[in-house]
C-alpha atoms as a PDB file:
ATOM      1  CA  MET A   1       0.000   0.000   0.000  1.00  0.00           C
ATOM      2  CA  ARG A   2       1.291   3.439  -0.948  1.00  0.00           C
ATOM      3  CA  ARG A   3       2.035   5.730   2.001  1.00  0.00           C
ATOM      4  CA  ALA A   4       1.539   9.504   1.816  1.00  0.00           C
ATOM      5  CA  ILE A   5       4.349  10.696   4.069  1.00  0.00           C
ATOM      6  CA  GLU A   6       4.708  14.473   3.550  1.00  0.00           C
ATOM      7  CA  HIS A   7       2.281  17.365   3.180  1.00  0.00           C
ATOM      8  CA  PHE A   8       2.909  20.423   1.002  1.00  0.00           C
ATOM      9  CA  ALA A   9       0.735  23.536   0.896  1.00  0.00           C
ATOM     10  CA  ALA A  10      -0.859  24.546  -2.401  1.00  0.00           C
ATOM     11  CA  GLY A  11       1.659  26.250  -4.658  1.00  0.00           C
ATOM     12  CA  ASN A  12       4.618  24.572  -2.941  1.00  0.00           C
ATOM     13  CA  TRP A  13       4.655  21.274  -4.776  1.00  0.00           C
ATOM     14  CA  PRO A  14       4.789  20.243  -8.469  1.00  0.00           C
ATOM     15  CA  GLU A  15       1.037  19.986  -9.115  1.00  0.00           C
ATOM     16  CA  GLU A  16       1.579  18.917 -12.742  1.00  0.00           C
ATOM     17  CA  GLN A  17       3.215  15.738 -11.395  1.00  0.00           C
ATOM     18  CA  ALA A  18       0.150  14.557  -9.463  1.00  0.00           C
ATOM     19  CA  ALA A  19      -0.352  10.866 -10.247  1.00  0.00           C
ATOM     20  CA  ASP A  20      -3.740  10.733  -8.505  1.00  0.00           C
ATOM     21  CA  SER A  21      -5.895  12.708  -6.086  1.00  0.00           C
ATOM     22  CA  LEU A  22      -7.756  12.388  -2.805  1.00  0.00           C
ATOM     23  CA  THR A  23     -11.141  14.114  -2.563  1.00  0.00           C
ATOM     24  CA  LEU A  24     -11.969  14.455   1.112  1.00  0.00           C
ATOM     25  CA  MET A  25     -14.507  16.103   3.383  1.00  0.00           C
ATOM     26  CA  PHE A  26     -13.112  18.693   5.811  1.00  0.00           C
ATOM     27  CA  ASP A  27     -12.942  16.291   8.771  1.00  0.00           C
ATOM     28  CA  ASP A  28     -10.925  13.812   6.714  1.00  0.00           C
ATOM     29  CA  ARG A  29      -8.516  16.571   5.634  1.00  0.00           C
ATOM     30  CA  HIS A  30      -7.338  17.142   9.217  1.00  0.00           C
ATOM     31  CA  ARG A  31      -5.525  13.934  10.007  1.00  0.00           C
ATOM     32  CA  ARG A  32      -2.179  12.381  10.725  1.00  0.00           C
ATOM     33  CA  ARG A  33      -2.788   8.729  10.011  1.00  0.00           C
ATOM     34  CA  ILE A  34      -5.741   7.112   8.265  1.00  0.00           C
ATOM     35  CA  ARG A  35      -6.390   4.526   5.570  1.00  0.00           C
ATOM     36  CA  LEU A  36      -7.992   6.114   2.479  1.00  0.00           C
ATOM     37  CA  ALA A  37      -8.794   5.338  -1.134  1.00  0.00           C
ATOM     38  CA  SER A  38      -7.598   7.652  -3.889  1.00  0.00           C
ATOM     39  CA  ASP A  39     -10.012   9.010  -6.484  1.00  0.00           C
ATOM     40  CA  ALA A  40      -8.750   6.244  -8.806  1.00  0.00           C
ATOM     41  CA  GLY A  41      -9.627   3.663  -6.133  1.00  0.00           C
ATOM     42  CA  GLN A  42      -6.066   2.923  -4.995  1.00  0.00           C
ATOM     43  CA  PRO A  43      -5.483   2.227  -1.287  1.00  0.00           C
ATOM     44  CA  ILE A  44      -3.477   4.971   0.435  1.00  0.00           C
ATOM     45  CA  LEU A  45      -2.173   5.179   3.965  1.00  0.00           C
ATOM     46  CA  LEU A  46      -1.926   8.778   5.109  1.00  0.00           C
ATOM     47  CA  ASP A  47       1.087   8.539   7.418  1.00  0.00           C
ATOM     48  CA  LEU A  48       2.238  12.047   8.336  1.00  0.00           C
ATOM     49  CA  PRO A  49       4.556  12.953  11.235  1.00  0.00           C
ATOM     50  CA  LYS A  50       1.814  15.141  12.753  1.00  0.00           C
ATOM     51  CA  ALA A  51      -1.816  16.057  12.068  1.00  0.00           C
ATOM     52  CA  VAL A  52      -2.180  18.644   9.323  1.00  0.00           C
ATOM     53  CA  ALA A  53      -5.233  20.647   8.221  1.00  0.00           C
ATOM     54  CA  MET A  54      -5.035  20.007   4.482  1.00  0.00           C
ATOM     55  CA  ALA A  55      -6.691  22.368   2.024  1.00  0.00           C
ATOM     56  CA  ASP A  56      -7.891  22.059  -1.544  1.00  0.00           C
ATOM     57  CA  GLY A  57      -4.866  22.197  -3.836  1.00  0.00           C
ATOM     58  CA  ASP A  58      -2.362  20.865  -1.309  1.00  0.00           C
ATOM     59  CA  GLY A  59      -0.087  17.985  -2.253  1.00  0.00           C
ATOM     60  CA  LEU A  60       1.040  14.794  -0.587  1.00  0.00           C
ATOM     61  CA  TYR A  61       4.386  13.178  -1.361  1.00  0.00           C
ATOM     62  CA  CYS A  62       4.345   9.380  -1.247  1.00  0.00           C
ATOM     63  CA  ASP A  63       6.999   6.870  -0.249  1.00  0.00           C
ATOM     64  CA  ASP A  64       7.126   5.587  -3.846  1.00  0.00           C
ATOM     65  CA  GLY A  65       8.039   9.056  -5.226  1.00  0.00           C
ATOM     66  CA  ARG A  66       4.576   9.849  -6.572  1.00  0.00           C
ATOM     67  CA  TRP A  67       2.435  12.878  -5.742  1.00  0.00           C
ATOM     68  CA  LEU A  68      -1.220  13.068  -4.740  1.00  0.00           C
ATOM     69  CA  ALA A  69      -3.349  16.184  -5.090  1.00  0.00           C
ATOM     70  CA  VAL A  70      -5.709  17.012  -2.213  1.00  0.00           C
ATOM     71  CA  ARG A  71      -9.214  18.048  -3.281  1.00  0.00           C
ATOM     72  CA  ALA A  72     -11.947  19.394  -0.995  1.00  0.00           C
ATOM     73  CA  ALA A  73     -15.178  17.422  -1.342  1.00  0.00           C
ATOM     74  CA  THR A  74     -18.517  19.157  -1.675  1.00  0.00           C
ATOM     75  CA  GLU A  75     -20.418  19.284   1.622  1.00  0.00           C
ATOM     76  CA  ASN A  76     -23.853  20.489   2.701  1.00  0.00           C
ATOM     77  CA  LEU A  77     -23.375  23.946   4.213  1.00  0.00           C
ATOM     78  CA  VAL A  78     -25.310  26.948   5.436  1.00  0.00           C
ATOM     79  CA  GLU A  79     -24.311  30.259   3.866  1.00  0.00           C
ATOM     80  CA  ILE A  80     -25.031  33.286   6.061  1.00  0.00           C
ATOM     81  CA  GLN A  81     -25.594  36.698   4.498  1.00  0.00           C
ATOM     82  CA  CYS A  82     -25.910  39.937   6.431  1.00  0.00           C
ATOM     83  CA  GLY A  83     -27.373  43.235   5.285  1.00  0.00           C
ATOM     84  CA  ASP A  84     -24.748  45.399   6.957  1.00  0.00           C
ATOM     85  CA  ALA A  85     -21.330  45.305   8.609  1.00  0.00           C
ATOM     86  CA  ARG A  86     -22.728  45.527  12.155  1.00  0.00           C
ATOM     87  CA  THR A  87     -24.904  42.427  11.676  1.00  0.00           C
ATOM     88  CA  LEU A  88     -22.000  40.588  10.064  1.00  0.00           C
ATOM     89  CA  ALA A  89     -19.741  41.447  13.017  1.00  0.00           C
ATOM     90  CA  ARG A  90     -22.382  40.337  15.550  1.00  0.00           C
ATOM     91  CA  VAL A  91     -22.994  37.038  13.746  1.00  0.00           C
ATOM     92  CA  ALA A  92     -19.252  36.386  13.426  1.00  0.00           C
ATOM     93  CA  TRP A  93     -18.744  37.141  17.126  1.00  0.00           C
ATOM     94  CA  HIS A  94     -21.514  34.732  18.179  1.00  0.00           C
ATOM     95  CA  LEU A  95     -20.208  31.960  15.920  1.00  0.00           C
ATOM     96  CA  GLY A  96     -16.673  32.457  17.227  1.00  0.00           C
ATOM     97  CA  ASN A  97     -17.918  32.503  20.798  1.00  0.00           C
ATOM     98  CA  ARG A  98     -19.315  29.011  20.160  1.00  0.00           C
ATOM     99  CA  HIS A  99     -16.036  27.831  18.584  1.00  0.00           C
ATOM    100  CA  LEU A 100     -17.818  26.673  15.431  1.00  0.00           C
ATOM    101  CA  PRO A 101     -15.772  25.820  12.361  1.00  0.00           C
ATOM    102  CA  THR A 102     -16.498  28.859  10.178  1.00  0.00           C
ATOM    103  CA  GLN A 103     -15.471  29.721   6.638  1.00  0.00           C
ATOM    104  CA  LEU A 104     -15.309  33.340   5.537  1.00  0.00           C
ATOM    105  CA  HIS A 105     -16.254  33.452   1.855  1.00  0.00           C
ATOM    106  CA  GLY A 106     -16.400  36.897   0.297  1.00  0.00           C
ATOM    107  CA  THR A 107     -19.111  38.788   2.184  1.00  0.00           C
ATOM    108  CA  THR A 108     -20.713  35.604   3.519  1.00  0.00           C
ATOM    109  CA  ILE A 109     -19.998  33.143   6.302  1.00  0.00           C
ATOM    110  CA  ARG A 110     -20.306  29.392   5.812  1.00  0.00           C
ATOM    111  CA  ILE A 111     -20.985  26.856   8.544  1.00  0.00           C
ATOM    112  CA  ARG A 112     -22.232  23.296   8.757  1.00  0.00           C
ATOM    113  CA  PRO A 113     -25.992  22.855   9.139  1.00  0.00           C
ATOM    114  CA  ASP A 114     -27.232  23.194  12.710  1.00  0.00           C
ATOM    115  CA  HIS A 115     -30.859  24.221  13.292  1.00  0.00           C
ATOM    116  CA  VAL A 116     -30.098  25.890  16.640  1.00  0.00           C
ATOM    117  CA  ILE A 117     -27.351  28.058  15.133  1.00  0.00           C
ATOM    118  CA  GLU A 118     -29.472  28.771  12.056  1.00  0.00           C
ATOM    119  CA  ASP A 119     -32.266  30.085  14.304  1.00  0.00           C
ATOM    120  CA  MET A 120     -29.760  32.167  16.262  1.00  0.00           C
ATOM    121  CA  VAL A 121     -28.297  33.907  13.199  1.00  0.00           C
ATOM    122  CA  ARG A 122     -31.775  34.582  11.807  1.00  0.00           C
ATOM    123  CA  GLY A 123     -32.631  36.141  15.168  1.00  0.00           C
ATOM    124  CA  LEU A 124     -29.578  38.382  14.798  1.00  0.00           C
ATOM    125  CA  GLY A 125     -30.935  39.642  11.467  1.00  0.00           C
ATOM    126  CA  ALA A 126     -29.019  37.462   9.002  1.00  0.00           C
ATOM    127  CA  GLN A 127     -30.410  35.464   6.108  1.00  0.00           C
ATOM    128  CA  ILE A 128     -29.365  31.894   5.393  1.00  0.00           C
ATOM    129  CA  ARG A 129     -29.417  29.639   2.402  1.00  0.00           C
ATOM    130  CA  PHE A 130     -28.463  26.017   2.054  1.00  0.00           C
ATOM    131  CA  ILE A 131     -25.682  25.254  -0.405  1.00  0.00           C
ATOM    132  CA  ALA A 132     -23.349  22.438  -1.440  1.00  0.00           C
ATOM    133  CA  ALA A 133     -19.704  23.549  -1.640  1.00  0.00           C
ATOM    134  CA  PRO A 134     -16.234  22.626  -0.381  1.00  0.00           C
ATOM    135  CA  PHE A 135     -15.702  23.613   3.274  1.00  0.00           C
ATOM    136  CA  GLN A 136     -12.427  25.200   4.397  1.00  0.00           C
ATOM    137  CA  PRO A 137     -12.967  26.900   7.764  1.00  0.00           C
ATOM    138  CA  GLU A 138     -10.559  29.381   9.296  1.00  0.00           C
ATOM    139  CA  GLY A 139      -7.595  27.795  11.058  1.00  0.00           C
ATOM    140  CA  GLY A 140      -7.911  29.669  14.329  1.00  0.00           C
ATOM    141  CA  ALA A 141      -6.219  32.492  16.162  1.00  0.00           C
ATOM    142  CA  TYR A 142      -3.037  30.552  16.919  1.00  0.00           C
ATOM    143  CA  GLU A 143      -2.574  28.980  13.493  1.00  0.00           C
ATOM    144  CA  SER A 144      -1.051  31.351  10.985  1.00  0.00           C
ATOM    145  CA  GLU A 145      -1.715  30.732   7.311  1.00  0.00           C
ATOM    146  CA  GLY A 146       1.878  29.664   6.779  1.00  0.00           C
ATOM    147  CA  ALA A 147       2.360  27.943  10.123  1.00  0.00           C
ATOM    148  CA  HIS A 148       3.214  24.626   8.534  1.00  0.00           C
ATOM    149  CA  LEU A 149       5.595  26.087   5.963  1.00  0.00           C
ATOM    150  CA  HIS A 150       9.297  25.443   6.174  1.00  0.00           C
ATOM    151  CA  HIS A 151      12.062  24.808   3.701  1.00  0.00           C
ATOM    152  CA  HIS A 152      13.188  21.306   3.346  1.00  0.00           C
ATOM    153  CA  HIS A 153      15.165  19.072   0.997  1.00  0.00           C
ATOM    154  CA  HIS A 154      14.360  15.560  -0.163  1.00  0.00           C
ATOM    155  CA  ASP A 155      16.233  12.843  -1.916  1.00  0.00           C
ATOM    156  CA  HIS A 156      13.728  12.855  -4.802  1.00  0.00           C
ATOM    157  CA  GLY A 157      15.826  15.196  -6.901  1.00  0.00           C
ATOM    158  CA  HIS A 158      14.559  18.655  -5.971  1.00  0.00           C
ATOM    159  CA  SER A 159      13.562  20.750  -3.011  1.00  0.00           C
ATOM    160  CA  HIS A 160      10.262  22.315  -2.009  1.00  0.00           C
ATOM    161  CA  ALA A 161       9.014  24.930   0.388  1.00  0.00           C
ATOM    162  CA  HIS A 162       6.211  23.669   2.568  1.00  0.00           C
END
């Protein structure tokens, strides 16, 4: 079984060399070790040194020298729209106060469906609509966008920043 042993952020790996891909829901993109099947049906063991929050477009380097592209699967989501900046700030504060995984997408906020939270944001003056889209929530206050990036050399003939 092929082992995916290193993670590279989008733009920091040779995407044109991807031999296959993994399309995963958000929860399955934040792992260290799990048995998966590639989009072509090949068994893959994700075997990283530590848990990584993978995003759409990231790459995984495998022990056999091949690359896998990470793809975000479509999920059922709630998209929250607010009529003004004050309502948007209030909704964002309440969602953050509840530590909900939240994706900022343009002028909207995306969350997973939850009827209690949906009622709360409507009560705050927001509108919601149900959509199907990839989910990539914010990483959190203590996780910088490039927190997992470092420079590193491999014995596969070239180096990468990740």
